[in-house]
Amino acid sequence: MPRHNRRDRQRPPPAGGGFGFSQVEPGPSGLDVDHHVRRIPASRATKIYRCPGCNNTITVGTAHIVAWPVDDFGGAEERRHWHTGCWTGRRGRTGYR
């Protein structure tokens, strides 16, 4: 009987707590701090969050953005989950909640 390839089970988790890699983008209007940004695909969106851009919920299975200040080093207290469209339009807002 042939052996099965089991390399996937031995692979270490990705850097950054298993959420993939982030990129740095300007933060929301009114904040002079760059933010780390991660795109969360719909298949990984397993919780409900409240978007600070529109104050509506981000439902399970909705692709979205997670952003936090660069100087925070990814602390959970400062991470915010945004609708992709709200994050894209953040610079035109007077501030976020």
PDB file of N, CA and C in Angstrom:
ATOM      1  N   MET A   1       0.843  -1.177   0.000  1.00  0.00           N
ATOM      2  CA  MET A   1       0.000   0.000   0.000  1.00  0.00           C
ATOM      3  C   MET A   1       0.895   1.248   0.000  1.00  0.00           C
ATOM      4  N   PRO A   2       0.616   2.233  -0.858  1.00  0.00           N
ATOM      5  CA  PRO A   2       1.463   3.434  -0.909  1.00  0.00           C
ATOM      6  C   PRO A   2       1.283   4.306   0.334  1.00  0.00           C
ATOM      7  N   ARG A   3       2.363   5.011   0.661  1.00  0.00           N
ATOM      8  CA  ARG A   3       2.305   5.947   1.789  1.00  0.00           C
ATOM      9  C   ARG A   3       1.638   7.238   1.375  1.00  0.00           C
ATOM     10  N   HIS A   4       0.993   7.875   2.308  1.00  0.00           N
ATOM     11  CA  HIS A   4       0.369   9.172   2.061  1.00  0.00           C
ATOM     12  C   HIS A   4       1.355  10.286   2.419  1.00  0.00           C
ATOM     13  N   ASN A   5       1.304  11.345   1.675  1.00  0.00           N
ATOM     14  CA  ASN A   5       2.157  12.494   1.951  1.00  0.00           C
ATOM     15  C   ASN A   5       1.582  13.246   3.152  1.00  0.00           C
ATOM     16  N   ARG A   6       2.340  13.349   4.219  1.00  0.00           N
ATOM     17  CA  ARG A   6       1.847  13.979   5.450  1.00  0.00           C
ATOM     18  C   ARG A   6       2.609  15.260   5.781  1.00  0.00           C
ATOM     19  N   ARG A   7       3.196  15.889   4.807  1.00  0.00           N
ATOM     20  CA  ARG A   7       3.949  17.120   5.063  1.00  0.00           C
ATOM     21  C   ARG A   7       3.065  18.233   5.611  1.00  0.00           C
ATOM     22  N   ASP A   8       1.822  18.328   5.175  1.00  0.00           N
ATOM     23  CA  ASP A   8       0.946  19.403   5.634  1.00  0.00           C
ATOM     24  C   ASP A   8       0.736  19.367   7.141  1.00  0.00           C
ATOM     25  N   ARG A   9       0.696  18.205   7.723  1.00  0.00           N
ATOM     26  CA  ARG A   9       0.480  18.087   9.166  1.00  0.00           C
ATOM     27  C   ARG A   9       1.708  18.518   9.954  1.00  0.00           C
ATOM     28  N   GLN A  10       2.865  18.497   9.337  1.00  0.00           N
ATOM     29  CA  GLN A  10       4.101  18.834  10.027  1.00  0.00           C
ATOM     30  C   GLN A  10       4.513  20.281   9.823  1.00  0.00           C
ATOM     31  N   ARG A  11       3.806  21.006   8.985  1.00  0.00           N
ATOM     32  CA  ARG A  11       4.156  22.388   8.681  1.00  0.00           C
ATOM     33  C   ARG A  11       3.882  23.275   9.896  1.00  0.00           C
ATOM     34  N   PRO A  12       4.833  24.137  10.272  1.00  0.00           N
ATOM     35  CA  PRO A  12       4.595  25.037  11.405  1.00  0.00           C
ATOM     36  C   PRO A  12       3.546  26.087  11.038  1.00  0.00           C
ATOM     37  N   PRO A  13       2.848  26.646  12.030  1.00  0.00           N
ATOM     38  CA  PRO A  13       1.853  27.674  11.737  1.00  0.00           C
ATOM     39  C   PRO A  13       2.526  28.917  11.159  1.00  0.00           C
ATOM     40  N   PRO A  14       1.825  29.684  10.328  1.00  0.00           N
ATOM     41  CA  PRO A  14       2.416  30.886   9.756  1.00  0.00           C
ATOM     42  C   PRO A  14       2.703  31.944  10.812  1.00  0.00           C
ATOM     43  N   ALA A  15       3.619  32.826  10.500  1.00  0.00           N
ATOM     44  CA  ALA A  15       3.957  33.915  11.415  1.00  0.00           C
ATOM     45  C   ALA A  15       2.761  34.823  11.614  1.00  0.00           C
ATOM     46  N   GLY A  16       2.711  35.499  12.755  1.00  0.00           N
ATOM     47  CA  GLY A  16       1.629  36.442  13.007  1.00  0.00           C
ATOM     48  C   GLY A  16       0.400  35.793  13.603  1.00  0.00           C
ATOM     49  N   GLY A  17       0.552  34.714  14.351  1.00  0.00           N
ATOM     50  CA  GLY A  17      -0.567  34.114  15.040  1.00  0.00           C
ATOM     51  C   GLY A  17      -1.487  33.310  14.156  1.00  0.00           C
ATOM     52  N   GLY A  18      -1.040  32.925  12.983  1.00  0.00           N
ATOM     53  CA  GLY A  18      -1.858  32.085  12.136  1.00  0.00           C
ATOM     54  C   GLY A  18      -2.813  32.839  11.238  1.00  0.00           C
ATOM     55  N   PHE A  19      -2.734  34.150  11.204  1.00  0.00           N
ATOM     56  CA  PHE A  19      -3.643  34.937  10.390  1.00  0.00           C
ATOM     57  C   PHE A  19      -3.027  35.396   9.081  1.00  0.00           C
ATOM     58  N   GLY A  20      -1.837  34.951   8.776  1.00  0.00           N
ATOM     59  CA  GLY A  20      -1.192  35.373   7.542  1.00  0.00           C
ATOM     60  C   GLY A  20      -0.367  36.622   7.765  1.00  0.00           C
ATOM     61  N   PHE A  21       0.002  37.249   6.678  1.00  0.00           N
ATOM     62  CA  PHE A  21       0.880  38.404   6.757  1.00  0.00           C
ATOM     63  C   PHE A  21       0.087  39.697   6.630  1.00  0.00           C
ATOM     64  N   SER A  22       0.651  40.761   7.166  1.00  0.00           N
ATOM     65  CA  SER A  22      -0.006  42.056   7.099  1.00  0.00           C
ATOM     66  C   SER A  22       0.831  43.007   6.250  1.00  0.00           C
ATOM     67  N   GLN A  23       0.191  44.080   5.830  1.00  0.00           N
ATOM     68  CA  GLN A  23       0.902  45.152   5.142  1.00  0.00           C
ATOM     69  C   GLN A  23       0.590  46.433   5.883  1.00  0.00           C
ATOM     70  N   VAL A  24       1.396  47.449   5.673  1.00  0.00           N
ATOM     71  CA  VAL A  24       1.210  48.724   6.363  1.00  0.00           C
ATOM     72  C   VAL A  24       0.520  49.699   5.424  1.00  0.00           C
ATOM     73  N   GLU A  25      -0.541  50.350   5.944  1.00  0.00           N
ATOM     74  CA  GLU A  25      -1.298  51.345   5.185  1.00  0.00           C
ATOM     75  C   GLU A  25      -1.586  52.529   6.102  1.00  0.00           C
ATOM     76  N   PRO A  26      -1.905  53.692   5.523  1.00  0.00           N
ATOM     77  CA  PRO A  26      -2.295  54.831   6.363  1.00  0.00           C
ATOM     78  C   PRO A  26      -3.549  54.489   7.159  1.00  0.00           C
ATOM     79  N   GLY A  27      -3.615  54.997   8.373  1.00  0.00           N
ATOM     80  CA  GLY A  27      -4.772  54.738   9.224  1.00  0.00           C
ATOM     81  C   GLY A  27      -5.972  55.588   8.837  1.00  0.00           C
ATOM     82  N   PRO A  28      -7.042  55.467   9.609  1.00  0.00           N
ATOM     83  CA  PRO A  28      -8.254  56.254   9.348  1.00  0.00           C
ATOM     84  C   PRO A  28      -7.992  57.754   9.463  1.00  0.00           C
ATOM     85  N   SER A  29      -8.826  58.525   8.814  1.00  0.00           N
ATOM     86  CA  SER A  29      -8.730  59.984   8.864  1.00  0.00           C
ATOM     87  C   SER A  29      -8.777  60.453  10.317  1.00  0.00           C
ATOM     88  N   GLY A  30      -7.979  61.434  10.636  1.00  0.00           N
ATOM     89  CA  GLY A  30      -7.948  61.962  11.984  1.00  0.00           C
ATOM     90  C   GLY A  30      -6.909  61.266  12.860  1.00  0.00           C
ATOM     91  N   LEU A  31      -6.403  60.145  12.435  1.00  0.00           N
ATOM     92  CA  LEU A  31      -5.349  59.456  13.173  1.00  0.00           C
ATOM     93  C   LEU A  31      -4.087  59.510  12.346  1.00  0.00           C
ATOM     94  N   ASP A  32      -3.016  59.968  12.940  1.00  0.00           N
ATOM     95  CA  ASP A  32      -1.765  60.158  12.219  1.00  0.00           C
ATOM     96  C   ASP A  32      -0.847  58.956  12.360  1.00  0.00           C
ATOM     97  N   VAL A  33      -1.425  57.764  12.434  1.00  0.00           N
ATOM     98  CA  VAL A  33      -0.652  56.555  12.679  1.00  0.00           C
ATOM     99  C   VAL A  33      -0.910  55.551  11.563  1.00  0.00           C
ATOM    100  N   ASP A  34       0.180  54.970  11.047  1.00  0.00           N
ATOM    101  CA  ASP A  34       0.013  53.891  10.067  1.00  0.00           C
ATOM    102  C   ASP A  34      -0.526  52.655  10.769  1.00  0.00           C
ATOM    103  N   HIS A  35      -1.202  51.813   9.992  1.00  0.00           N
ATOM    104  CA  HIS A  35      -1.809  50.600  10.540  1.00  0.00           C
ATOM    105  C   HIS A  35      -1.333  49.360   9.780  1.00  0.00           C
ATOM    106  N   HIS A  36      -1.156  48.266  10.520  1.00  0.00           N
ATOM    107  CA  HIS A  36      -0.990  46.959   9.894  1.00  0.00           C
ATOM    108  C   HIS A  36      -2.372  46.548   9.416  1.00  0.00           C
ATOM    109  N   VAL A  37      -2.441  45.925   8.244  1.00  0.00           N
ATOM    110  CA  VAL A  37      -3.721  45.520   7.671  1.00  0.00           C
ATOM    111  C   VAL A  37      -3.630  44.074   7.206  1.00  0.00           C
ATOM    112  N   ARG A  38      -4.598  43.286   7.598  1.00  0.00           N
ATOM    113  CA  ARG A  38      -4.721  41.905   7.113  1.00  0.00           C
ATOM    114  C   ARG A  38      -6.079  41.740   6.467  1.00  0.00           C
ATOM    115  N   ARG A  39      -6.089  41.063   5.349  1.00  0.00           N
ATOM    116  CA  ARG A  39      -7.342  40.748   4.671  1.00  0.00           C
ATOM    117  C   ARG A  39      -7.784  39.361   5.119  1.00  0.00           C
ATOM    118  N   ILE A  40      -8.993  39.267   5.620  1.00  0.00           N
ATOM    119  CA  ILE A  40      -9.546  38.006   6.099  1.00  0.00           C
ATOM    120  C   ILE A  40     -10.508  37.481   5.038  1.00  0.00           C
ATOM    121  N   PRO A  41     -10.227  36.318   4.456  1.00  0.00           N
ATOM    122  CA  PRO A  41     -11.137  35.772   3.452  1.00  0.00           C
ATOM    123  C   PRO A  41     -12.427  35.270   4.110  1.00  0.00           C
ATOM    124  N   ALA A  42     -13.474  35.149   3.336  1.00  0.00           N
ATOM    125  CA  ALA A  42     -14.776  34.723   3.859  1.00  0.00           C
ATOM    126  C   ALA A  42     -14.687  33.374   4.559  1.00  0.00           C
ATOM    127  N   SER A  43     -13.854  32.487   4.060  1.00  0.00           N
ATOM    128  CA  SER A  43     -13.737  31.154   4.653  1.00  0.00           C
ATOM    129  C   SER A  43     -13.127  31.178   6.058  1.00  0.00           C
ATOM    130  N   ARG A  44     -12.409  32.254   6.417  1.00  0.00           N
ATOM    131  CA  ARG A  44     -11.792  32.373   7.743  1.00  0.00           C
ATOM    132  C   ARG A  44     -12.572  33.294   8.672  1.00  0.00           C
ATOM    133  N   ALA A  45     -13.633  33.889   8.177  1.00  0.00           N
ATOM    134  CA  ALA A  45     -14.447  34.811   8.978  1.00  0.00           C
ATOM    135  C   ALA A  45     -15.478  33.999   9.755  1.00  0.00           C
ATOM    136  N   THR A  46     -15.162  33.676  11.002  1.00  0.00           N
ATOM    137  CA  THR A  46     -16.005  32.768  11.778  1.00  0.00           C
ATOM    138  C   THR A  46     -16.689  33.429  12.969  1.00  0.00           C
ATOM    139  N   LYS A  47     -16.544  34.727  13.129  1.00  0.00           N
ATOM    140  CA  LYS A  47     -17.181  35.445  14.234  1.00  0.00           C
ATOM    141  C   LYS A  47     -17.892  36.679  13.705  1.00  0.00           C
ATOM    142  N   ILE A  48     -18.736  37.250  14.539  1.00  0.00           N
ATOM    143  CA  ILE A  48     -19.421  38.501  14.210  1.00  0.00           C
ATOM    144  C   ILE A  48     -18.650  39.642  14.876  1.00  0.00           C
ATOM    145  N   TYR A  49     -18.403  40.710  14.108  1.00  0.00           N
ATOM    146  CA  TYR A  49     -17.704  41.889  14.616  1.00  0.00           C
ATOM    147  C   TYR A  49     -18.513  43.133  14.276  1.00  0.00           C
ATOM    148  N   ARG A  50     -18.190  44.247  14.924  1.00  0.00           N
ATOM    149  CA  ARG A  50     -18.806  45.532  14.609  1.00  0.00           C
ATOM    150  C   ARG A  50     -17.771  46.403  13.924  1.00  0.00           C
ATOM    151  N   CYS A  51     -18.098  46.882  12.725  1.00  0.00           N
ATOM    152  CA  CYS A  51     -17.202  47.713  11.930  1.00  0.00           C
ATOM    153  C   CYS A  51     -17.174  49.130  12.502  1.00  0.00           C
ATOM    154  N   PRO A  52     -15.980  49.680  12.799  1.00  0.00           N
ATOM    155  CA  PRO A  52     -15.912  51.056  13.307  1.00  0.00           C
ATOM    156  C   PRO A  52     -16.194  52.104  12.233  1.00  0.00           C
ATOM    157  N   GLY A  53     -16.162  51.709  10.976  1.00  0.00           N
ATOM    158  CA  GLY A  53     -16.411  52.668   9.901  1.00  0.00           C
ATOM    159  C   GLY A  53     -17.881  53.001   9.727  1.00  0.00           C
ATOM    160  N   CYS A  54     -18.754  51.985   9.851  1.00  0.00           N
ATOM    161  CA  CYS A  54     -20.187  52.207   9.632  1.00  0.00           C
ATOM    162  C   CYS A  54     -21.031  51.815  10.839  1.00  0.00           C
ATOM    163  N   ASN A  55     -20.417  51.205  11.848  1.00  0.00           N
ATOM    164  CA  ASN A  55     -21.075  50.762  13.066  1.00  0.00           C
ATOM    165  C   ASN A  55     -22.096  49.644  12.825  1.00  0.00           C
ATOM    166  N   ASN A  56     -22.002  48.963  11.696  1.00  0.00           N
ATOM    167  CA  ASN A  56     -22.844  47.806  11.411  1.00  0.00           C
ATOM    168  C   ASN A  56     -22.036  46.534  11.665  1.00  0.00           C
ATOM    169  N   THR A  57     -22.735  45.399  11.714  1.00  0.00           N
ATOM    170  CA  THR A  57     -22.038  44.151  11.983  1.00  0.00           C
ATOM    171  C   THR A  57     -21.395  43.574  10.727  1.00  0.00           C
ATOM    172  N   ILE A  58     -20.297  42.874  10.956  1.00  0.00           N
ATOM    173  CA  ILE A  58     -19.646  42.074   9.918  1.00  0.00           C
ATOM    174  C   ILE A  58     -20.049  40.639  10.242  1.00  0.00           C
ATOM    175  N   THR A  59     -20.825  40.033   9.395  1.00  0.00           N
ATOM    176  CA  THR A  59     -21.379  38.719   9.681  1.00  0.00           C
ATOM    177  C   THR A  59     -20.387  37.597   9.379  1.00  0.00           C
ATOM    178  N   VAL A  60     -20.683  36.432   9.919  1.00  0.00           N
ATOM    179  CA  VAL A  60     -19.884  35.237   9.654  1.00  0.00           C
ATOM    180  C   VAL A  60     -19.890  34.971   8.155  1.00  0.00           C
ATOM    181  N   GLY A  61     -18.729  34.658   7.611  1.00  0.00           N
ATOM    182  CA  GLY A  61     -18.613  34.350   6.195  1.00  0.00           C
ATOM    183  C   GLY A  61     -18.438  35.559   5.297  1.00  0.00           C
ATOM    184  N   THR A  62     -18.203  36.736   5.888  1.00  0.00           N
ATOM    185  CA  THR A  62     -17.981  37.951   5.105  1.00  0.00           C
ATOM    186  C   THR A  62     -16.501  38.298   5.110  1.00  0.00           C
ATOM    187  N   ALA A  63     -15.898  38.386   3.938  1.00  0.00           N
ATOM    188  CA  ALA A  63     -14.499  38.805   3.844  1.00  0.00           C
ATOM    189  C   ALA A  63     -14.392  40.227   4.389  1.00  0.00           C
ATOM    190  N   HIS A  64     -13.319  40.509   5.117  1.00  0.00           N
ATOM    191  CA  HIS A  64     -13.164  41.836   5.709  1.00  0.00           C
ATOM    192  C   HIS A  64     -11.695  42.122   5.998  1.00  0.00           C
ATOM    193  N   ILE A  65     -11.436  43.253   6.650  1.00  0.00           N
ATOM    194  CA  ILE A  65     -10.096  43.740   6.969  1.00  0.00           C
ATOM    195  C   ILE A  65      -9.925  43.767   8.482  1.00  0.00           C
ATOM    196  N   VAL A  66      -8.731  43.402   8.953  1.00  0.00           N
ATOM    197  CA  VAL A  66      -8.365  43.612  10.353  1.00  0.00           C
ATOM    198  C   VAL A  66      -7.212  44.605  10.346  1.00  0.00           C
ATOM    199  N   ALA A  67      -7.323  45.667  11.147  1.00  0.00           N
ATOM    200  CA  ALA A  67      -6.293  46.711  11.178  1.00  0.00           C
ATOM    201  C   ALA A  67      -5.958  47.060  12.624  1.00  0.00           C
ATOM    202  N   TRP A  68      -4.678  47.385  12.868  1.00  0.00           N
ATOM    203  CA  TRP A  68      -4.235  47.831  14.174  1.00  0.00           C
ATOM    204  C   TRP A  68      -3.029  48.738  13.988  1.00  0.00           C
ATOM    205  N   PRO A  69      -2.805  49.676  14.932  1.00  0.00           N
ATOM    206  CA  PRO A  69      -1.696  50.624  14.805  1.00  0.00           C
ATOM    207  C   PRO A  69      -0.344  49.920  14.743  1.00  0.00           C
ATOM    208  N   VAL A  70       0.561  50.476  13.953  1.00  0.00           N
ATOM    209  CA  VAL A  70       1.900  49.893  13.786  1.00  0.00           C
ATOM    210  C   VAL A  70       2.623  49.805  15.116  1.00  0.00           C
ATOM    211  N   ASP A  71       2.491  50.806  15.961  1.00  0.00           N
ATOM    212  CA  ASP A  71       3.228  50.822  17.230  1.00  0.00           C
ATOM    213  C   ASP A  71       2.627  49.906  18.292  1.00  0.00           C
ATOM    214  N   ASP A  72       1.545  49.207  17.977  1.00  0.00           N
ATOM    215  CA  ASP A  72       0.890  48.341  18.963  1.00  0.00           C
ATOM    216  C   ASP A  72       1.401  46.898  18.894  1.00  0.00           C
ATOM    217  N   PHE A  73       2.132  46.522  17.878  1.00  0.00           N
ATOM    218  CA  PHE A  73       2.700  45.189  17.705  1.00  0.00           C
ATOM    219  C   PHE A  73       1.634  44.086  17.683  1.00  0.00           C
ATOM    220  N   GLY A  74       0.458  44.396  17.187  1.00  0.00           N
ATOM    221  CA  GLY A  74      -0.565  43.371  16.995  1.00  0.00           C
ATOM    222  C   GLY A  74      -1.349  42.989  18.223  1.00  0.00           C
ATOM    223  N   GLY A  75      -1.317  43.845  19.252  1.00  0.00           N
ATOM    224  CA  GLY A  75      -2.082  43.555  20.458  1.00  0.00           C
ATOM    225  C   GLY A  75      -3.574  43.470  20.171  1.00  0.00           C
ATOM    226  N   ALA A  76      -4.228  42.517  20.775  1.00  0.00           N
ATOM    227  CA  ALA A  76      -5.654  42.270  20.508  1.00  0.00           C
ATOM    228  C   ALA A  76      -6.530  43.458  20.897  1.00  0.00           C
ATOM    229  N   GLU A  77      -6.099  44.284  21.840  1.00  0.00           N
ATOM    230  CA  GLU A  77      -6.927  45.400  22.303  1.00  0.00           C
ATOM    231  C   GLU A  77      -7.142  46.455  21.224  1.00  0.00           C
ATOM    232  N   GLU A  78      -6.197  46.622  20.342  1.00  0.00           N
ATOM    233  CA  GLU A  78      -6.279  47.681  19.331  1.00  0.00           C
ATOM    234  C   GLU A  78      -6.719  47.188  17.958  1.00  0.00           C
ATOM    235  N   ARG A  79      -6.876  45.886  17.774  1.00  0.00           N
ATOM    236  CA  ARG A  79      -7.312  45.373  16.470  1.00  0.00           C
ATOM    237  C   ARG A  79      -8.770  45.719  16.236  1.00  0.00           C
ATOM    238  N   ARG A  80      -9.058  46.170  15.016  1.00  0.00           N
ATOM    239  CA  ARG A  80     -10.432  46.495  14.630  1.00  0.00           C
ATOM    240  C   ARG A  80     -10.748  45.785  13.330  1.00  0.00           C
ATOM    241  N   HIS A  81     -11.937  45.237  13.262  1.00  0.00           N
ATOM    242  CA  HIS A  81     -12.404  44.529  12.067  1.00  0.00           C
ATOM    243  C   HIS A  81     -13.283  45.490  11.270  1.00  0.00           C
ATOM    244  N   TRP A  82     -12.935  45.701  10.012  1.00  0.00           N
ATOM    245  CA  TRP A  82     -13.613  46.646   9.139  1.00  0.00           C
ATOM    246  C   TRP A  82     -14.209  45.929   7.940  1.00  0.00           C
ATOM    247  N   HIS A  83     -15.373  46.394   7.461  1.00  0.00           N
ATOM    248  CA  HIS A  83     -15.820  45.971   6.133  1.00  0.00           C
ATOM    249  C   HIS A  83     -14.751  46.446   5.143  1.00  0.00           C
ATOM    250  N   THR A  84     -14.530  45.695   4.111  1.00  0.00           N
ATOM    251  CA  THR A  84     -13.515  46.077   3.122  1.00  0.00           C
ATOM    252  C   THR A  84     -13.821  47.445   2.529  1.00  0.00           C
ATOM    253  N   GLY A  85     -15.072  47.706   2.188  1.00  0.00           N
ATOM    254  CA  GLY A  85     -15.456  49.005   1.624  1.00  0.00           C
ATOM    255  C   GLY A  85     -15.296  50.149   2.604  1.00  0.00           C
ATOM    256  N   CYS A  86     -15.581  49.896   3.880  1.00  0.00           N
ATOM    257  CA  CYS A  86     -15.415  50.942   4.897  1.00  0.00           C
ATOM    258  C   CYS A  86     -13.944  51.285   5.079  1.00  0.00           C
ATOM    259  N   TRP A  87     -13.078  50.263   5.073  1.00  0.00           N
ATOM    260  CA  TRP A  87     -11.637  50.528   5.194  1.00  0.00           C
ATOM    261  C   TRP A  87     -11.143  51.305   3.983  1.00  0.00           C
ATOM    262  N   THR A  88     -11.605  50.928   2.795  1.00  0.00           N
ATOM    263  CA  THR A  88     -11.184  51.611   1.574  1.00  0.00           C
ATOM    264  C   THR A  88     -11.597  53.076   1.599  1.00  0.00           C
ATOM    265  N   GLY A  89     -12.762  53.388   2.133  1.00  0.00           N
ATOM    266  CA  GLY A  89     -13.258  54.763   2.182  1.00  0.00           C
ATOM    267  C   GLY A  89     -12.935  55.502   3.459  1.00  0.00           C
ATOM    268  N   ARG A  90     -12.071  54.965   4.287  1.00  0.00           N
ATOM    269  CA  ARG A  90     -11.789  55.540   5.607  1.00  0.00           C
ATOM    270  C   ARG A  90     -11.201  56.933   5.550  1.00  0.00           C
ATOM    271  N   ARG A  91     -10.429  57.254   4.522  1.00  0.00           N
ATOM    272  CA  ARG A  91      -9.746  58.549   4.460  1.00  0.00           C
ATOM    273  C   ARG A  91     -10.714  59.703   4.242  1.00  0.00           C
ATOM    274  N   GLY A  92     -11.892  59.438   3.699  1.00  0.00           N
ATOM    275  CA  GLY A  92     -12.865  60.488   3.479  1.00  0.00           C
ATOM    276  C   GLY A  92     -13.754  60.774   4.663  1.00  0.00           C
ATOM    277  N   ARG A  93     -13.648  59.981   5.702  1.00  0.00           N
ATOM    278  CA  ARG A  93     -14.476  60.169   6.892  1.00  0.00           C
ATOM    279  C   ARG A  93     -13.835  61.186   7.822  1.00  0.00           C
ATOM    280  N   THR A  94     -14.653  61.781   8.689  1.00  0.00           N
ATOM    281  CA  THR A  94     -14.136  62.763   9.640  1.00  0.00           C
ATOM    282  C   THR A  94     -13.486  62.108  10.841  1.00  0.00           C
ATOM    283  N   GLY A  95     -13.607  60.840  10.981  1.00  0.00           N
ATOM    284  CA  GLY A  95     -13.048  60.087  12.095  1.00  0.00           C
ATOM    285  C   GLY A  95     -13.830  58.800  12.240  1.00  0.00           C
ATOM    286  N   TYR A  96     -13.330  57.899  13.014  1.00  0.00           N
ATOM    287  CA  TYR A  96     -14.085  56.671  13.193  1.00  0.00           C
ATOM    288  C   TYR A  96     -14.377  56.472  14.660  1.00  0.00           C
ATOM    289  N   ARG A  97     -15.356  55.646  14.919  1.00  0.00           N
ATOM    290  CA  ARG A  97     -15.813  55.434  16.288  1.00  0.00           C
ATOM    291  C   ARG A  97     -15.007  54.377  16.975  1.00  0.00           C
TER     292      ARG A  97
END
